[in-house]
Amino acid sequence: NNIFKITKNIVYYNLTKSKYIIRNILASKVYTIIVSINIIYTIAITFKIITNKFN
């Protein structure tokens, strides 16, 4: 019975650690998407300003 408890705790620890890692990976992906959108928006606005100056 003690062995089962140790195994159960290890499995629970690994699941908790996996959830933490997955959460961090997803947060990193979302951050990357947001940064990419900001860069695209900045380039689009800059391009619009440049084209308006020539017209």
PDB file of N, CA and C in Angstrom:
ATOM      1  N   ASN A   1       0.823  -1.196   0.000  1.00  0.00           N
ATOM      2  CA  ASN A   1       0.000   0.000   0.000  1.00  0.00           C
ATOM      3  C   ASN A   1       0.868   1.261   0.000  1.00  0.00           C
ATOM      4  N   ASN A   2       1.963   1.260   0.739  1.00  0.00           N
ATOM      5  CA  ASN A   2       2.861   2.411   0.743  1.00  0.00           C
ATOM      6  C   ASN A   2       3.490   2.631  -0.631  1.00  0.00           C
ATOM      7  N   ILE A   3       3.800   1.548  -1.307  1.00  0.00           N
ATOM      8  CA  ILE A   3       4.384   1.669  -2.643  1.00  0.00           C
ATOM      9  C   ILE A   3       3.382   2.329  -3.590  1.00  0.00           C
ATOM     10  N   PHE A   4       2.131   1.953  -3.476  1.00  0.00           N
ATOM     11  CA  PHE A   4       1.098   2.558  -4.323  1.00  0.00           C
ATOM     12  C   PHE A   4       0.988   4.061  -4.069  1.00  0.00           C
ATOM     13  N   LYS A   5       1.076   4.463  -2.832  1.00  0.00           N
ATOM     14  CA  LYS A   5       0.986   5.891  -2.516  1.00  0.00           C
ATOM     15  C   LYS A   5       2.165   6.651  -3.109  1.00  0.00           C
ATOM     16  N   ILE A   6       3.337   6.067  -3.018  1.00  0.00           N
ATOM     17  CA  ILE A   6       4.514   6.726  -3.598  1.00  0.00           C
ATOM     18  C   ILE A   6       4.340   6.840  -5.111  1.00  0.00           C
ATOM     19  N   THR A   7       3.912   5.767  -5.735  1.00  0.00           N
ATOM     20  CA  THR A   7       3.696   5.786  -7.180  1.00  0.00           C
ATOM     21  C   THR A   7       2.614   6.793  -7.539  1.00  0.00           C
ATOM     22  N   LYS A   8       1.563   6.810  -6.773  1.00  0.00           N
ATOM     23  CA  LYS A   8       0.467   7.737  -7.033  1.00  0.00           C
ATOM     24  C   LYS A   8       0.955   9.183  -6.928  1.00  0.00           C
ATOM     25  N   ASN A   9       1.752   9.478  -5.939  1.00  0.00           N
ATOM     26  CA  ASN A   9       2.288  10.835  -5.778  1.00  0.00           C
ATOM     27  C   ASN A   9       3.214  11.204  -6.930  1.00  0.00           C
ATOM     28  N   ILE A  10       4.016  10.251  -7.369  1.00  0.00           N
ATOM     29  CA  ILE A  10       4.929  10.516  -8.490  1.00  0.00           C
ATOM     30  C   ILE A  10       4.132  10.789  -9.761  1.00  0.00           C
ATOM     31  N   VAL A  11       3.104   9.978 -10.002  1.00  0.00           N
ATOM     32  CA  VAL A  11       2.267  10.188 -11.182  1.00  0.00           C
ATOM     33  C   VAL A  11       1.582  11.546 -11.099  1.00  0.00           C
ATOM     34  N   TYR A  12       1.067  11.883  -9.938  1.00  0.00           N
ATOM     35  CA  TYR A  12       0.405  13.183  -9.757  1.00  0.00           C
ATOM     36  C   TYR A  12       1.403  14.315  -9.987  1.00  0.00           C
ATOM     37  N   TYR A  13       2.619  14.161  -9.467  1.00  0.00           N
ATOM     38  CA  TYR A  13       3.655  15.179  -9.649  1.00  0.00           C
ATOM     39  C   TYR A  13       3.974  15.341 -11.134  1.00  0.00           C
ATOM     40  N   ASN A  14       4.108  14.229 -11.847  1.00  0.00           N
ATOM     41  CA  ASN A  14       4.426  14.305 -13.273  1.00  0.00           C
ATOM     42  C   ASN A  14       3.296  14.956 -14.065  1.00  0.00           C
ATOM     43  N   LEU A  15       2.047  14.642 -13.711  1.00  0.00           N
ATOM     44  CA  LEU A  15       0.916  15.261 -14.399  1.00  0.00           C
ATOM     45  C   LEU A  15       0.875  16.765 -14.135  1.00  0.00           C
ATOM     46  N   THR A  16       1.125  17.144 -12.896  1.00  0.00           N
ATOM     47  CA  THR A  16       1.135  18.567 -12.547  1.00  0.00           C
ATOM     48  C   THR A  16       2.259  19.285 -13.284  1.00  0.00           C
ATOM     49  N   LYS A  17       3.425  18.658 -13.333  1.00  0.00           N
ATOM     50  CA  LYS A  17       4.565  19.242 -14.034  1.00  0.00           C
ATOM     51  C   LYS A  17       4.261  19.364 -15.526  1.00  0.00           C
ATOM     52  N   SER A  18       3.636  18.351 -16.107  1.00  0.00           N
ATOM     53  CA  SER A  18       3.282  18.386 -17.529  1.00  0.00           C
ATOM     54  C   SER A  18       2.285  19.497 -17.817  1.00  0.00           C
ATOM     55  N   LYS A  19       1.295  19.654 -16.945  1.00  0.00           N
ATOM     56  CA  LYS A  19       0.314  20.729 -17.134  1.00  0.00           C
ATOM     57  C   LYS A  19       1.000  22.090 -17.078  1.00  0.00           C
ATOM     58  N   TYR A  20       1.949  22.242 -16.165  1.00  0.00           N
ATOM     59  CA  TYR A  20       2.673  23.499 -16.025  1.00  0.00           C
ATOM     60  C   TYR A  20       3.481  23.787 -17.289  1.00  0.00           C
ATOM     61  N   ILE A  21       4.148  22.762 -17.808  1.00  0.00           N
ATOM     62  CA  ILE A  21       4.958  22.926 -19.018  1.00  0.00           C
ATOM     63  C   ILE A  21       4.068  23.256 -20.210  1.00  0.00           C
ATOM     64  N   ILE A  22       2.950  22.538 -20.350  1.00  0.00           N
ATOM     65  CA  ILE A  22       2.028  22.795 -21.457  1.00  0.00           C
ATOM     66  C   ILE A  22       1.467  24.205 -21.367  1.00  0.00           C
ATOM     67  N   ARG A  23       1.125  24.642 -20.175  1.00  0.00           N
ATOM     68  CA  ARG A  23       0.609  26.000 -19.988  1.00  0.00           C
ATOM     69  C   ARG A  23       1.653  27.032 -20.405  1.00  0.00           C
ATOM     70  N   ASN A  24       2.910  26.800 -20.049  1.00  0.00           N
ATOM     71  CA  ASN A  24       3.966  27.740 -20.424  1.00  0.00           C
ATOM     72  C   ASN A  24       4.193  27.759 -21.931  1.00  0.00           C
ATOM     73  N   ILE A  25       4.125  26.593 -22.556  1.00  0.00           N
ATOM     74  CA  ILE A  25       4.298  26.527 -24.007  1.00  0.00           C
ATOM     75  C   ILE A  25       3.170  27.279 -24.705  1.00  0.00           C
ATOM     76  N   LEU A  26       1.937  27.061 -24.253  1.00  0.00           N
ATOM     77  CA  LEU A  26       0.802  27.757 -24.864  1.00  0.00           C
ATOM     78  C   LEU A  26       0.907  29.268 -24.666  1.00  0.00           C
ATOM     79  N   ALA A  27       1.323  29.685 -23.485  1.00  0.00           N
ATOM     80  CA  ALA A  27       1.494  31.121 -23.227  1.00  0.00           C
ATOM     81  C   ALA A  27       2.562  31.698 -24.148  1.00  0.00           C
ATOM     82  N   SER A  28       3.623  30.949 -24.365  1.00  0.00           N
ATOM     83  CA  SER A  28       4.688  31.394 -25.257  1.00  0.00           C
ATOM     84  C   SER A  28       4.187  31.516 -26.692  1.00  0.00           C
ATOM     85  N   LYS A  29       3.378  30.554 -27.123  1.00  0.00           N
ATOM     86  CA  LYS A  29       2.817  30.596 -28.484  1.00  0.00           C
ATOM     87  C   LYS A  29       1.894  31.807 -28.648  1.00  0.00           C
ATOM     88  N   VAL A  30       1.055  32.056 -27.658  1.00  0.00           N
ATOM     89  CA  VAL A  30       0.143  33.209 -27.721  1.00  0.00           C
ATOM     90  C   VAL A  30       0.943  34.507 -27.757  1.00  0.00           C
ATOM     91  N   TYR A  31       1.985  34.590 -26.952  1.00  0.00           N
ATOM     92  CA  TYR A  31       2.832  35.784 -26.935  1.00  0.00           C
ATOM     93  C   TYR A  31       3.476  35.997 -28.304  1.00  0.00           C
ATOM     94  N   THR A  32       3.953  34.918 -28.921  1.00  0.00           N
ATOM     95  CA  THR A  32       4.568  35.007 -30.242  1.00  0.00           C
ATOM     96  C   THR A  32       3.566  35.501 -31.277  1.00  0.00           C
ATOM     97  N   ILE A  33       2.343  35.002 -31.208  1.00  0.00           N
ATOM     98  CA  ILE A  33       1.301  35.435 -32.146  1.00  0.00           C
ATOM     99  C   ILE A  33       1.010  36.922 -31.965  1.00  0.00           C
ATOM    100  N   ILE A  34       0.903  37.366 -30.722  1.00  0.00           N
ATOM    101  CA  ILE A  34       0.614  38.780 -30.448  1.00  0.00           C
ATOM    102  C   ILE A  34       1.743  39.671 -30.951  1.00  0.00           C
ATOM    103  N   VAL A  35       2.980  39.264 -30.723  1.00  0.00           N
ATOM    104  CA  VAL A  35       4.121  40.049 -31.195  1.00  0.00           C
ATOM    105  C   VAL A  35       4.118  40.110 -32.721  1.00  0.00           C
ATOM    106  N   SER A  36       3.819  38.998 -33.372  1.00  0.00           N
ATOM    107  CA  SER A  36       3.770  38.976 -34.837  1.00  0.00           C
ATOM    108  C   SER A  36       2.694  39.918 -35.364  1.00  0.00           C
ATOM    109  N   ILE A  37       1.537  39.907 -34.728  1.00  0.00           N
ATOM    110  CA  ILE A  37       0.452  40.804 -35.148  1.00  0.00           C
ATOM    111  C   ILE A  37       0.871  42.259 -34.965  1.00  0.00           C
ATOM    112  N   ASN A  38       1.542  42.559 -33.865  1.00  0.00           N
ATOM    113  CA  ASN A  38       2.004  43.937 -33.633  1.00  0.00           C
ATOM    114  C   ASN A  38       3.011  44.372 -34.695  1.00  0.00           C
ATOM    115  N   ILE A  39       3.902  43.460 -35.077  1.00  0.00           N
ATOM    116  CA  ILE A  39       4.901  43.787 -36.104  1.00  0.00           C
ATOM    117  C   ILE A  39       4.215  44.026 -37.448  1.00  0.00           C
ATOM    118  N   ILE A  40       3.268  43.160 -37.799  1.00  0.00           N
ATOM    119  CA  ILE A  40       2.540  43.318 -39.061  1.00  0.00           C
ATOM    120  C   ILE A  40       1.775  44.642 -39.065  1.00  0.00           C
ATOM    121  N   TYR A  41       1.134  44.957 -37.964  1.00  0.00           N
ATOM    122  CA  TYR A  41       0.379  46.215 -37.857  1.00  0.00           C
ATOM    123  C   TYR A  41       1.310  47.416 -38.010  1.00  0.00           C
ATOM    124  N   THR A  42       2.463  47.365 -37.372  1.00  0.00           N
ATOM    125  CA  THR A  42       3.428  48.463 -37.453  1.00  0.00           C
ATOM    126  C   THR A  42       3.927  48.642 -38.881  1.00  0.00           C
ATOM    127  N   ILE A  43       4.234  47.539 -39.549  1.00  0.00           N
ATOM    128  CA  ILE A  43       4.695  47.617 -40.938  1.00  0.00           C
ATOM    129  C   ILE A  43       3.594  48.186 -41.832  1.00  0.00           C
ATOM    130  N   ALA A  44       2.358  47.754 -41.619  1.00  0.00           N
ATOM    131  CA  ALA A  44       1.242  48.241 -42.434  1.00  0.00           C
ATOM    132  C   ALA A  44       1.033  49.740 -42.244  1.00  0.00           C
ATOM    133  N   ILE A  45       1.080  50.195 -41.002  1.00  0.00           N
ATOM    134  CA  ILE A  45       0.911  51.632 -40.725  1.00  0.00           C
ATOM    135  C   ILE A  45       2.059  52.431 -41.336  1.00  0.00           C
ATOM    136  N   THR A  46       3.286  51.930 -41.208  1.00  0.00           N
ATOM    137  CA  THR A  46       4.447  52.611 -41.779  1.00  0.00           C
ATOM    138  C   THR A  46       4.323  52.693 -43.296  1.00  0.00           C
ATOM    139  N   PHE A  47       3.916  51.600 -43.910  1.00  0.00           N
ATOM    140  CA  PHE A  47       3.732  51.579 -45.363  1.00  0.00           C
ATOM    141  C   PHE A  47       2.653  52.570 -45.789  1.00  0.00           C
ATOM    142  N   LYS A  48       1.588  52.644 -45.025  1.00  0.00           N
ATOM    143  CA  LYS A  48       0.498  53.587 -45.324  1.00  0.00           C
ATOM    144  C   LYS A  48       0.988  55.031 -45.222  1.00  0.00           C
ATOM    145  N   ILE A  49       1.774  55.331 -44.204  1.00  0.00           N
ATOM    146  CA  ILE A  49       2.315  56.687 -44.033  1.00  0.00           C
ATOM    147  C   ILE A  49       3.232  57.043 -45.199  1.00  0.00           C
ATOM    148  N   ILE A  50       4.089  56.094 -45.589  1.00  0.00           N
ATOM    149  CA  ILE A  50       5.025  56.346 -46.692  1.00  0.00           C
ATOM    150  C   ILE A  50       4.268  56.574 -47.997  1.00  0.00           C
ATOM    151  N   THR A  51       3.275  55.728 -48.279  1.00  0.00           N
ATOM    152  CA  THR A  51       2.524  55.888 -49.533  1.00  0.00           C
ATOM    153  C   THR A  51       1.703  57.176 -49.528  1.00  0.00           C
ATOM    154  N   ASN A  52       1.212  57.598 -48.383  1.00  0.00           N
ATOM    155  CA  ASN A  52       0.467  58.862 -48.308  1.00  0.00           C
ATOM    156  C   ASN A  52       1.376  60.065 -48.550  1.00  0.00           C
ATOM    157  N   LYS A  53       2.640  59.972 -48.155  1.00  0.00           N
ATOM    158  CA  LYS A  53       3.590  61.073 -48.366  1.00  0.00           C
ATOM    159  C   LYS A  53       3.870  61.270 -49.855  1.00  0.00           C
ATOM    160  N   PHE A  54       3.887  60.172 -50.633  1.00  0.00           N
ATOM    161  CA  PHE A  54       4.175  60.263 -52.059  1.00  0.00           C
ATOM    162  C   PHE A  54       2.953  60.653 -52.877  1.00  0.00           C
ATOM    163  N   ASN A  55       1.774  60.522 -52.324  1.00  0.00           N
ATOM    164  CA  ASN A  55       0.557  60.885 -53.069  1.00  0.00           C
ATOM    165  C   ASN A  55       0.213  62.273 -52.787  1.00  0.00           C
TER     166      ASN A  55
END
